[in-house]
Amino acid sequence: MTRPLASVGLSETEARQSGRSVLVTSVPVASIAVMPRPKIVGDPRGLIKFLVDAESHQILGATLYCVDSQELINAVFAQLKPLS
């Protein structure tokens, strides 16, 4: 099974160029206990990356590379607020 790549919001380059203080975190899917589906289907490989404004804690962007990322990205999109 090929894992899809999904992203929403700003890329890391765009976020840093915006002049904001940006926090970046990347987590292997295999280490996320609340994401059992990749383990159930036998493909726990992948990575999830979030970009967050260090001051407001607003999600600036996310990239998901894992089983069902094309579905999961919608939950992230629902949390995005227009950037000002």
Foldseek 3Di string as FASTA:
>chain_A
DFWDKDKDADDPVRVVVVVFDKDKDKDQQLPDPVPCVCVVVPHSGWMKMWIAGPPPRATRMIMTGGHPPVPVVVVVVVRHDDDD
